[in-house]
N, C-alpha and C. Protein backbone atom coordinates (compact mmCIF):
# COMPACT_ATOMS: atom_id res chain seq x y z
N MET A 1 52.80 -6.00 19.43
CA MET A 1 51.99 -5.86 19.41
C MET A 1 51.01 -7.13 20.37
N SER A 2 50.50 -6.90 21.28
CA SER A 2 49.93 -8.27 21.95
C SER A 2 48.55 -8.68 21.31
N VAL A 3 48.46 -10.08 21.55
CA VAL A 3 46.80 -10.46 20.94
C VAL A 3 45.63 -9.77 21.69
N SER A 4 45.94 -9.18 22.95
CA SER A 4 45.18 -8.13 23.76
C SER A 4 44.46 -7.32 22.87
N ALA A 5 45.35 -6.38 22.26
CA ALA A 5 45.13 -5.36 21.38
C ALA A 5 44.48 -5.75 20.63
N VAL A 6 45.12 -6.89 19.56
CA VAL A 6 44.08 -7.88 18.15
C VAL A 6 42.34 -7.57 18.70
N LEU A 7 42.48 -8.31 19.71
CA LEU A 7 41.20 -8.99 20.51
C LEU A 7 40.24 -7.42 20.70
N TRP A 8 41.08 -6.63 21.33
CA TRP A 8 40.44 -5.46 21.58
C TRP A 8 39.75 -4.54 20.46
N GLY A 9 41.12 -4.73 19.91
CA GLY A 9 40.48 -4.11 17.81
C GLY A 9 39.68 -4.63 17.40
N LEU A 10 39.73 -6.02 16.98
CA LEU A 10 38.37 -6.56 16.43
C LEU A 10 37.44 -6.52 17.19
N LEU A 11 37.33 -6.51 18.36
CA LEU A 11 35.76 -5.95 18.94
C LEU A 11 35.34 -5.25 18.87
N ALA A 12 36.00 -4.05 18.75
CA ALA A 12 36.07 -2.69 18.74
C ALA A 12 35.12 -2.38 17.14
N LEU A 13 36.12 -2.78 16.38
CA LEU A 13 35.65 -3.33 14.51
C LEU A 13 34.21 -3.70 14.63
N LEU A 14 34.31 -4.54 15.54
CA LEU A 14 32.81 -5.28 14.84
C LEU A 14 31.53 -4.63 15.87
N VAL A 15 31.86 -4.22 17.18
CA VAL A 15 30.73 -3.26 17.18
C VAL A 15 30.47 -2.01 16.69
N PHE A 16 31.51 -1.54 16.07
CA PHE A 16 31.05 -0.36 15.13
C PHE A 16 30.63 -0.67 14.06
N TRP A 17 30.85 -1.99 13.30
CA TRP A 17 30.42 -2.06 12.03
C TRP A 17 28.66 -2.58 12.59
N SER A 18 28.35 -3.19 13.64
CA SER A 18 27.23 -3.59 14.03
C SER A 18 26.33 -2.02 14.11
N ILE A 19 26.76 -1.41 14.74
CA ILE A 19 26.14 -0.53 15.14
C ILE A 19 25.65 0.59 13.61
N GLY A 20 26.41 0.24 12.66
CA GLY A 20 26.57 1.08 11.07
C GLY A 20 25.41 0.03 10.90
N ALA A 21 25.51 -1.52 10.81
CA ALA A 21 24.34 -2.31 9.75
C ALA A 21 22.96 -1.74 10.84
N TYR A 22 22.96 -1.83 11.75
CA TYR A 22 21.92 -1.90 12.55
C TYR A 22 21.13 -0.54 12.22
N ASN A 23 22.10 0.54 11.97
CA ASN A 23 21.17 2.18 11.40
C ASN A 23 20.66 1.83 10.13
N ARG A 24 21.50 1.32 9.49
CA ARG A 24 21.24 0.94 7.88
C ARG A 24 19.64 0.18 8.34
N LEU A 25 19.58 -0.66 8.85
CA LEU A 25 18.09 -1.43 8.22
C LEU A 25 17.13 -0.70 8.93
N VAL A 26 17.22 0.17 10.15
CA VAL A 26 16.45 1.15 10.69
C VAL A 26 16.14 2.44 9.54
N ARG A 27 17.05 2.59 8.93
CA ARG A 27 16.76 3.71 7.89
C ARG A 27 15.99 3.45 6.74
N LEU A 28 16.54 2.08 6.65
CA LEU A 28 15.80 1.28 5.29
C LEU A 28 14.28 0.96 5.57
N ARG A 29 13.88 0.53 7.07
CA ARG A 29 12.40 0.70 7.69
C ARG A 29 11.70 1.27 7.51
N SER A 30 12.10 2.28 8.13
CA SER A 30 11.71 3.75 8.27
C SER A 30 11.55 4.39 6.76
N ARG A 31 12.35 4.11 6.00
CA ARG A 31 11.79 4.72 4.34
C ARG A 31 10.72 3.94 3.95
N SER A 32 10.71 2.46 4.10
CA SER A 32 9.74 2.25 3.57
C SER A 32 8.03 2.21 4.11
N LEU A 33 8.33 2.75 5.65
CA LEU A 33 7.37 2.69 6.01
C LEU A 33 6.52 4.07 5.94
N ALA A 34 7.71 5.03 5.50
CA ALA A 34 7.17 6.44 4.96
C ALA A 34 6.50 6.33 3.39
N ALA A 35 7.07 5.76 2.89
CA ALA A 35 6.34 5.11 1.30
C ALA A 35 5.15 4.59 1.40
N PHE A 36 4.81 3.88 2.69
CA PHE A 36 3.94 3.33 3.11
C PHE A 36 2.52 4.19 3.14
N SER A 37 2.94 5.17 3.95
CA SER A 37 1.93 6.17 3.89
C SER A 37 1.50 6.81 2.75
N VAL A 38 2.29 7.36 1.74
CA VAL A 38 2.18 7.81 1.04
C VAL A 38 1.05 6.90 0.05
N VAL A 39 1.53 5.88 -0.24
CA VAL A 39 0.27 4.71 -0.94
C VAL A 39 -0.93 4.71 0.10
N ASP A 40 -0.55 4.70 1.23
CA ASP A 40 -2.16 4.69 2.29
C ASP A 40 -2.79 5.80 1.92
N ARG A 41 -2.75 7.35 1.34
CA ARG A 41 -3.13 8.09 1.05
C ARG A 41 -3.62 8.23 -0.20
N GLN A 42 -2.89 7.71 -1.35
CA GLN A 42 -3.28 7.57 -2.32
C GLN A 42 -5.02 6.52 -2.57
N PHE A 43 -4.38 5.68 -1.38
CA PHE A 43 -5.25 4.18 -1.53
C PHE A 43 -6.67 5.10 -0.98
N SER A 44 -6.45 6.05 0.17
CA SER A 44 -7.88 6.38 0.58
C SER A 44 -8.43 7.32 -0.44
N LEU A 45 -7.46 7.92 -1.23
CA LEU A 45 -8.11 9.00 -1.98
C LEU A 45 -9.45 8.79 -2.71
N GLN A 46 -9.01 7.02 -3.13
CA GLN A 46 -9.63 6.26 -4.48
C GLN A 46 -11.22 5.66 -3.48
N ALA A 47 -10.85 5.27 -2.03
CA ALA A 47 -11.80 4.94 -1.86
C ALA A 47 -13.28 6.24 -1.40
N LEU A 48 -12.32 6.97 -1.45
CA LEU A 48 -12.97 8.77 -0.96
C LEU A 48 -13.77 8.65 -2.35
N LEU A 49 -13.38 8.51 -3.33
CA LEU A 49 -14.38 9.09 -4.79
C LEU A 49 -15.46 7.79 -5.18
N LEU A 50 -15.53 6.97 -4.12
CA LEU A 50 -16.91 5.98 -4.26
C LEU A 50 -18.15 6.82 -3.32
N PRO A 51 -19.37 6.23 -3.84
CA PRO A 51 -20.50 6.28 -2.77
C PRO A 51 -20.47 5.59 -1.79
N PRO A 52 -20.93 5.82 -0.44
CA PRO A 52 -21.60 7.19 0.05
C PRO A 52 -20.60 8.08 0.33
N ASN A 53 -19.13 8.05 0.17
CA ASN A 53 -18.34 8.85 0.27
C ASN A 53 -18.17 10.12 -0.32
N SER A 54 -18.70 10.19 -1.37
CA SER A 54 -18.66 11.39 -2.74
C SER A 54 -20.17 11.37 -2.97
N GLU A 55 -20.83 12.43 -2.41
CA GLU A 55 -22.17 13.02 -2.91
C GLU A 55 -22.29 12.86 -4.70
N ALA A 56 -21.17 13.72 -5.14
CA ALA A 56 -20.91 14.04 -6.76
C ALA A 56 -21.28 12.45 -7.38
N ALA A 57 -20.36 11.61 -6.47
CA ALA A 57 -20.34 9.80 -7.36
C ALA A 57 -21.51 9.33 -7.21
N THR A 58 -22.50 9.56 -6.24
CA THR A 58 -23.05 9.16 -5.95
C THR A 58 -24.24 8.92 -7.34
N PRO A 59 -24.51 7.29 -7.75
CA PRO A 59 -25.52 7.48 -8.52
C PRO A 59 -27.01 7.10 -8.34
N ARG A 60 -28.15 7.32 -8.73
CA ARG A 60 -29.08 7.07 -8.33
C ARG A 60 -29.64 6.06 -9.13
N SER A 61 -31.02 5.18 -8.79
CA SER A 61 -32.13 4.97 -9.94
C SER A 61 -32.77 5.89 -10.20
N ALA A 62 -33.14 5.64 -11.65
CA ALA A 62 -34.45 6.61 -12.69
C ALA A 62 -35.39 6.80 -11.66
N SER A 63 -36.14 5.83 -10.66
CA SER A 63 -37.05 6.47 -9.92
C SER A 63 -37.08 7.66 -8.85
N GLY A 64 -35.69 8.03 -8.87
CA GLY A 64 -34.89 9.35 -8.04
C GLY A 64 -35.12 8.93 -6.83
N ASP A 65 -35.01 8.10 -6.28
CA ASP A 65 -35.35 7.12 -4.72
C ASP A 65 -33.76 7.55 -4.62
N ASP A 66 -33.56 8.08 -2.93
CA ASP A 66 -32.13 8.36 -2.62
C ASP A 66 -31.58 7.26 -2.12
N THR A 67 -32.04 6.68 -1.49
CA THR A 67 -31.83 5.43 -0.74
C THR A 67 -31.62 4.32 -2.01
N ASP A 68 -31.82 4.28 -2.96
CA ASP A 68 -31.69 3.15 -3.86
C ASP A 68 -30.64 3.24 -4.99
N LEU A 69 -29.32 2.74 -4.49
CA LEU A 69 -28.15 2.96 -5.63
C LEU A 69 -27.93 2.57 -6.78
N VAL A 70 -27.83 2.42 -7.99
CA VAL A 70 -28.08 1.42 -9.21
C VAL A 70 -27.00 0.02 -8.82
N PRO A 71 -27.57 -0.91 -9.21
CA PRO A 71 -26.88 -2.08 -8.45
C PRO A 71 -26.00 -2.26 -9.51
N ARG A 72 -25.84 -1.80 -10.54
CA ARG A 72 -24.11 -2.14 -11.05
C ARG A 72 -22.86 -1.54 -10.11
N TRP A 73 -22.97 -0.79 -9.27
CA TRP A 73 -22.35 0.29 -8.37
C TRP A 73 -22.03 -1.16 -7.40
N SER A 74 -23.01 -1.89 -6.71
CA SER A 74 -22.59 -2.70 -5.58
C SER A 74 -21.22 -3.04 -5.90
N GLY A 75 -21.22 -4.02 -6.76
CA GLY A 75 -19.38 -4.40 -6.56
C GLY A 75 -18.24 -3.44 -6.47
N LEU A 76 -18.86 -1.92 -6.92
CA LEU A 76 -17.52 -1.11 -6.90
C LEU A 76 -17.48 -0.67 -5.67
N ILE A 77 -18.94 -0.44 -4.61
CA ILE A 77 -19.04 0.20 -3.29
C ILE A 77 -18.48 -1.03 -2.45
N GLY A 78 -19.01 -2.38 -2.91
CA GLY A 78 -18.17 -3.33 -2.00
C GLY A 78 -16.48 -3.69 -2.15
N ALA A 79 -15.81 -3.08 -3.24
CA ALA A 79 -14.70 -3.43 -3.00
C ALA A 79 -14.33 -2.44 -2.70
N GLY A 80 -14.31 -1.06 -2.64
CA GLY A 80 -14.28 -0.12 -1.85
C GLY A 80 -14.36 -0.30 -0.67
N ARG A 81 -15.39 -0.72 0.00
CA ARG A 81 -15.61 -0.74 1.34
C ARG A 81 -14.35 -1.91 2.01
N GLN A 82 -14.36 -2.99 1.12
CA GLN A 82 -13.16 -3.90 1.43
C GLN A 82 -11.83 -2.97 1.43
N LEU A 83 -11.43 -2.51 0.42
CA LEU A 83 -10.08 -1.74 0.81
C LEU A 83 -10.50 -0.87 1.83
N GLU A 84 -10.97 -0.18 2.52
CA GLU A 84 -11.09 0.83 3.28
C GLU A 84 -10.66 -0.23 4.89
N ALA A 85 -11.49 -1.12 4.97
CA ALA A 85 -10.97 -2.35 5.85
C ALA A 85 -9.91 -2.77 5.69
N SER A 86 -9.57 -3.30 4.87
CA SER A 86 -7.79 -3.24 4.73
C SER A 86 -6.45 -2.18 4.71
N LEU A 87 -7.16 -0.89 4.40
CA LEU A 87 -6.53 0.00 5.11
C LEU A 87 -6.26 0.20 6.56
N LYS A 88 -7.20 0.03 7.17
CA LYS A 88 -7.80 0.01 8.51
C LYS A 88 -6.13 -0.68 9.09
N ALA A 89 -6.68 -2.14 8.64
CA ALA A 89 -5.55 -3.37 9.30
C ALA A 89 -4.37 -3.00 8.99
N ALA A 90 -3.89 -2.40 8.02
CA ALA A 90 -2.92 -2.60 7.42
C ALA A 90 -1.71 -1.34 8.25
N ARG A 91 -2.66 -0.36 8.48
CA ARG A 91 -2.35 1.14 9.16
C ARG A 91 -1.75 0.30 10.64
N VAL A 92 -2.27 -0.65 10.99
CA VAL A 92 -1.75 -1.25 12.66
C VAL A 92 -0.15 -1.57 12.61
N ARG A 93 0.01 -2.13 11.29
CA ARG A 93 1.39 -2.75 11.45
C ARG A 93 1.66 -2.52 9.51
N PRO A 94 2.32 -1.64 9.53
CA PRO A 94 2.30 -1.62 7.76
C PRO A 94 3.50 -2.21 7.21
N LEU A 95 4.21 -2.85 8.13
CA LEU A 95 4.77 -3.59 6.78
C LEU A 95 4.57 -5.22 7.34
N ASP A 96 3.68 -5.78 8.01
CA ASP A 96 3.03 -6.86 8.05
C ASP A 96 2.64 -7.50 6.50
N SER A 97 3.62 -8.53 6.57
CA SER A 97 3.12 -9.27 5.30
C SER A 97 1.47 -9.83 4.72
N ALA A 98 1.21 -10.36 6.24
CA ALA A 98 -0.26 -10.75 5.61
C ALA A 98 -1.34 -9.42 5.37
N GLY A 99 -1.04 -8.29 6.02
CA GLY A 99 -1.48 -7.39 5.92
C GLY A 99 -1.59 -6.62 4.25
N LEU A 100 -0.27 -6.77 4.37
CA LEU A 100 0.13 -6.16 2.82
C LEU A 100 -0.61 -6.83 1.62
N ASN A 101 -1.07 -7.97 2.00
CA ASN A 101 -1.17 -9.15 0.50
C ASN A 101 -3.22 -8.91 1.08
N ALA A 102 -3.45 -9.07 1.78
CA ALA A 102 -4.77 -8.57 2.22
C ALA A 102 -4.77 -7.22 1.42
N LEU A 103 -4.07 -6.05 1.67
CA LEU A 103 -4.34 -4.46 1.24
C LEU A 103 -4.23 -4.84 -0.78
N ARG A 104 -3.09 -5.55 -1.20
CA ARG A 104 -2.96 -5.92 -2.71
C ARG A 104 -4.33 -6.31 -3.02
N THR A 105 -4.65 -7.42 -2.61
CA THR A 105 -5.88 -8.25 -2.59
C THR A 105 -7.33 -6.84 -3.05
N ALA A 106 -7.27 -6.58 -1.91
CA ALA A 106 -8.66 -5.43 -1.85
C ALA A 106 -8.25 -4.44 -3.06
N HIS A 107 -7.13 -4.20 -3.23
CA HIS A 107 -6.65 -2.49 -4.66
C HIS A 107 -7.17 -3.54 -5.41
N GLU A 108 -6.50 -4.58 -5.88
CA GLU A 108 -6.64 -5.15 -7.32
C GLU A 108 -8.50 -5.55 -7.29
N THR A 109 -9.00 -5.67 -6.39
CA THR A 109 -10.39 -6.31 -6.62
C THR A 109 -10.82 -4.81 -6.79
N LEU A 110 -10.66 -3.48 -6.16
CA LEU A 110 -11.44 -2.35 -6.46
C LEU A 110 -10.98 -1.84 -8.08
N VAL A 111 -9.79 -1.86 -8.51
CA VAL A 111 -9.45 -1.78 -9.68
C VAL A 111 -10.08 -2.88 -10.30
N LEU A 112 -10.64 -4.10 -10.17
CA LEU A 112 -11.19 -4.77 -11.41
C LEU A 112 -12.42 -4.59 -11.70
N SER A 113 -13.51 -3.95 -10.32
CA SER A 113 -14.29 -3.64 -9.91
C SER A 113 -15.11 -1.91 -10.95
N TRP A 114 -13.66 -1.18 -10.53
CA TRP A 114 -13.84 -0.09 -11.44
C TRP A 114 -14.10 -0.45 -12.95
N ALA A 115 -13.33 -0.98 -13.07
CA ALA A 115 -12.99 -1.44 -15.15
C ALA A 115 -14.35 -2.15 -15.42
N ARG A 116 -14.83 -3.25 -14.79
CA ARG A 116 -15.97 -3.30 -14.81
C ARG A 116 -17.11 -2.75 -15.05
N CYS A 117 -17.23 -1.99 -14.33
CA CYS A 117 -18.32 -0.73 -14.08
C CYS A 117 -17.89 0.38 -14.97
N ARG A 118 -16.97 0.24 -15.78
CA ARG A 118 -16.51 1.49 -16.51
C ARG A 118 -17.00 0.86 -18.02
N GLU A 119 -16.72 -0.69 -18.38
CA GLU A 119 -16.84 -1.08 -19.65
C GLU A 119 -18.62 -1.62 -19.78
N GLU A 120 -19.12 -1.41 -18.59
CA GLU A 120 -20.83 -1.35 -18.85
C GLU A 120 -21.31 -0.64 -19.89
N PRO A 121 -21.84 -0.91 -20.83
CA PRO A 121 -22.52 -0.28 -22.04
C PRO A 121 -23.46 0.86 -21.24
N PRO A 122 -23.34 2.25 -22.06
CA PRO A 122 -24.27 3.10 -21.56
C PRO A 122 -25.95 2.88 -21.60
N ASP A 123 -26.69 3.80 -20.77
CA ASP A 123 -27.97 3.34 -21.00
C ASP A 123 -28.86 4.70 -21.43
N LEU A 124 -29.88 4.77 -21.11
CA LEU A 124 -30.48 6.17 -21.41
C LEU A 124 -30.29 7.26 -20.72
N ALA A 125 -29.55 6.90 -19.27
CA ALA A 125 -29.11 8.46 -18.32
C ALA A 125 -27.88 8.55 -18.67
N GLY A 126 -27.14 8.03 -19.60
CA GLY A 126 -25.87 8.28 -19.86
C GLY A 126 -25.00 6.98 -19.52
N SER A 127 -23.64 7.18 -19.94
CA SER A 127 -22.40 6.63 -19.38
C SER A 127 -22.63 6.32 -18.04
N PRO A 128 -22.05 4.65 -17.41
CA PRO A 128 -22.29 4.55 -16.06
C PRO A 128 -21.80 5.39 -15.34
N LEU A 129 -20.42 5.85 -15.66
CA LEU A 129 -19.71 6.51 -14.95
C LEU A 129 -19.67 7.45 -15.37
N PRO A 130 -19.75 8.39 -14.70
CA PRO A 130 -19.65 10.17 -14.57
C PRO A 130 -18.21 10.62 -15.24
N GLU A 131 -18.27 11.54 -16.03
CA GLU A 131 -16.74 11.64 -16.78
C GLU A 131 -15.88 12.26 -16.05
N ASP A 132 -16.34 13.21 -15.23
CA ASP A 132 -15.19 13.92 -14.08
C ASP A 132 -15.08 12.86 -13.14
N LEU A 133 -15.65 12.00 -12.95
CA LEU A 133 -14.85 10.53 -11.97
C LEU A 133 -14.31 9.63 -12.72
N SER A 134 -14.41 9.69 -13.79
CA SER A 134 -13.66 8.75 -14.26
C SER A 134 -12.16 9.58 -14.92
N THR A 135 -12.20 10.45 -15.17
CA THR A 135 -10.77 11.59 -14.81
C THR A 135 -10.09 11.22 -13.67
N LYS A 136 -10.94 11.69 -12.58
CA LYS A 136 -10.04 11.88 -11.63
C LYS A 136 -9.52 10.42 -10.95
N TRP A 137 -10.44 9.44 -11.29
CA TRP A 137 -9.61 7.99 -11.14
C TRP A 137 -8.59 7.70 -11.75
N ASP A 138 -8.61 8.40 -13.03
CA ASP A 138 -7.33 8.07 -13.61
C ASP A 138 -6.37 9.16 -13.38
N GLN A 139 -6.32 10.05 -13.13
CA GLN A 139 -5.73 10.58 -12.43
C GLN A 139 -5.07 10.04 -11.03
N LEU A 140 -5.81 10.14 -10.57
CA LEU A 140 -5.35 8.94 -9.16
C LEU A 140 -4.27 7.65 -9.29
N MET A 141 -4.51 6.96 -10.20
CA MET A 141 -4.33 5.51 -10.52
C MET A 141 -2.50 5.81 -11.04
N VAL A 142 -2.95 7.34 -11.96
CA VAL A 142 -1.43 7.38 -12.04
C VAL A 142 -0.49 7.67 -11.05
N GLN A 143 -0.92 8.69 -10.14
CA GLN A 143 -0.50 8.53 -8.87
C GLN A 143 0.29 7.77 -8.20
N THR A 144 -1.05 6.46 -7.81
CA THR A 144 -1.14 5.72 -7.08
C THR A 144 -0.16 4.34 -7.48
N ASP A 145 -0.23 4.26 -8.86
CA ASP A 145 1.02 3.39 -9.45
C ASP A 145 2.49 3.83 -9.20
N MET A 146 2.50 5.64 -9.00
CA MET A 146 3.71 5.66 -8.91
C MET A 146 4.66 5.51 -7.56
N ALA A 147 3.29 5.68 -6.73
CA ALA A 147 3.90 4.96 -5.16
C ALA A 147 4.00 4.03 -5.11
N ARG A 148 3.15 3.24 -5.59
CA ARG A 148 3.33 1.88 -5.71
C ARG A 148 4.62 1.40 -5.95
N ALA A 149 5.24 1.82 -6.79
CA ALA A 149 6.33 1.36 -7.87
C ALA A 149 7.71 2.03 -6.44
N GLU A 150 7.51 3.23 -5.78
CA GLU A 150 8.48 3.79 -5.41
C GLU A 150 8.45 2.71 -3.85
N PHE A 151 7.01 2.60 -3.50
CA PHE A 151 6.86 1.40 -2.39
C PHE A 151 7.84 0.05 -2.43
N ASN A 152 7.49 -0.29 -3.48
CA ASN A 152 8.06 -1.89 -3.83
C ASN A 152 9.41 -1.47 -3.85
N GLN A 153 9.98 -0.71 -4.73
CA GLN A 153 11.31 -1.08 -4.38
C GLN A 153 12.37 -0.83 -3.34
N LEU A 154 11.84 0.29 -2.15
CA LEU A 154 11.94 0.16 -1.03
C LEU A 154 12.18 -1.39 -0.20
N VAL A 155 10.70 -1.16 -0.11
CA VAL A 155 10.60 -2.64 0.43
C VAL A 155 11.68 -3.56 -0.03
N ALA A 156 11.94 -3.91 -1.41
CA ALA A 156 12.90 -4.92 -2.20
C ALA A 156 14.47 -4.61 -1.59
N ASP A 157 14.84 -3.07 -1.22
CA ASP A 157 16.14 -3.08 -1.22
C ASP A 157 16.41 -3.15 0.70
N TYR A 158 15.00 -2.93 1.39
CA TYR A 158 15.05 -3.41 2.34
C TYR A 158 15.22 -4.97 2.84
N ASN A 159 14.15 -5.64 2.19
CA ASN A 159 14.08 -7.53 2.49
C ASN A 159 15.95 -7.69 2.00
N ALA A 160 16.62 -7.07 0.71
CA ALA A 160 17.74 -7.61 0.48
C ALA A 160 18.87 -7.07 1.22
N ALA A 161 18.66 -6.31 1.72
CA ALA A 161 19.49 -6.06 3.22
C ALA A 161 19.48 -6.63 4.27
N ILE A 162 18.36 -7.35 4.49
CA ILE A 162 17.88 -7.75 5.81
C ILE A 162 18.42 -9.55 5.49
N SER A 163 18.87 -9.59 4.30
CA SER A 163 18.76 -11.38 4.04
C SER A 163 20.73 -10.90 3.41
N GLN A 164 21.27 -10.29 3.69
CA GLN A 164 22.65 -10.20 3.20
C GLN A 164 23.05 -11.26 4.67
N VAL A 165 24.61 -11.61 4.52
CA VAL A 165 25.00 -12.72 5.29
C VAL A 165 25.18 -11.93 6.41
N PRO A 166 26.46 -11.47 6.48
CA PRO A 166 26.25 -10.42 7.92
C PRO A 166 25.44 -10.08 8.94
N ALA A 167 24.20 -8.84 8.00
CA ALA A 167 23.29 -8.33 8.77
C ALA A 167 22.24 -8.97 8.96
N CYS A 168 21.94 -10.27 8.36
CA CYS A 168 21.18 -11.19 8.91
C CYS A 168 21.14 -11.63 9.98
N VAL A 169 22.22 -11.85 11.02
CA VAL A 169 22.43 -12.27 12.28
C VAL A 169 21.35 -10.63 12.61
N LEU A 170 22.40 -9.45 12.45
CA LEU A 170 21.60 -8.25 13.50
C LEU A 170 19.96 -8.78 12.75
N ALA A 171 19.35 -8.48 12.05
CA ALA A 171 17.77 -8.67 11.76
C ALA A 171 17.00 -9.47 12.21
N TRP A 172 18.04 -10.78 12.59
CA TRP A 172 17.45 -11.70 13.41
C TRP A 172 17.37 -11.52 14.97
N LEU A 173 18.33 -10.68 15.40
CA LEU A 173 18.40 -10.53 16.73
C LEU A 173 17.57 -9.34 17.19
N PHE A 174 17.30 -8.43 16.16
CA PHE A 174 16.34 -7.39 16.66
C PHE A 174 15.05 -7.69 15.72
N GLY A 175 14.98 -8.51 15.64
CA GLY A 175 13.68 -8.91 15.07
C GLY A 175 12.55 -8.20 13.74
N PHE A 176 13.98 -7.73 12.64
CA PHE A 176 13.62 -7.43 11.30
C PHE A 176 13.29 -8.47 10.51
N LYS A 177 12.07 -8.65 10.23
CA LYS A 177 11.63 -9.19 9.57
C LYS A 177 10.93 -8.96 7.68
N PRO A 178 11.40 -9.80 6.99
CA PRO A 178 11.06 -9.65 5.40
C PRO A 178 9.25 -9.63 5.39
N THR A 179 9.15 -8.36 4.40
CA THR A 179 7.59 -8.16 3.97
C THR A 179 7.93 -8.13 2.95
N HIS A 180 6.33 -7.99 2.05
CA HIS A 180 5.62 -8.38 1.12
C HIS A 180 5.93 -7.07 0.33
N THR A 181 5.59 -6.76 -1.47
CA THR A 181 5.15 -5.90 -1.49
C THR A 181 3.67 -6.23 -2.34
N LEU A 182 3.51 -4.48 -2.66
CA LEU A 182 2.20 -4.06 -3.36
C LEU A 182 2.12 -3.98 -4.80
């Protein structure tokens, strides 16, 4: 066997390995993007539960004035708007680390605001949150936690694949960048 045949064989092996490794990176990235769309949907549903998006959830003051929301809901509504803005930015570049960090912070803020509002003592009008709204929130949180766990696992797999020694050269060459979890 000549040296030329061995070199051509090694070159063919390198090309086929590169194609397979590239396809694996693309597949892992696309699975992460698909998982992000599920998380995006869950976060959007949570934002839709809040006023002014949901008429059933809109708290009013005792005066009955439609323009005057109960003050304790202002933090919750602000956190919902922050989540919507972070979602809008993250949709443009779903696996961007800075966007995901902002989205994670916005969602944590919403969850804390929701817990704070839920812990408010009841007044003469009753519980600070309507019971059906609390039930919907709890159901959405279970679904959101599952979607986030799946997304985080897929992102961890993607990050591990682009950091492996031979594949990291392809990742660098084709611009695959590591990303953060939610």
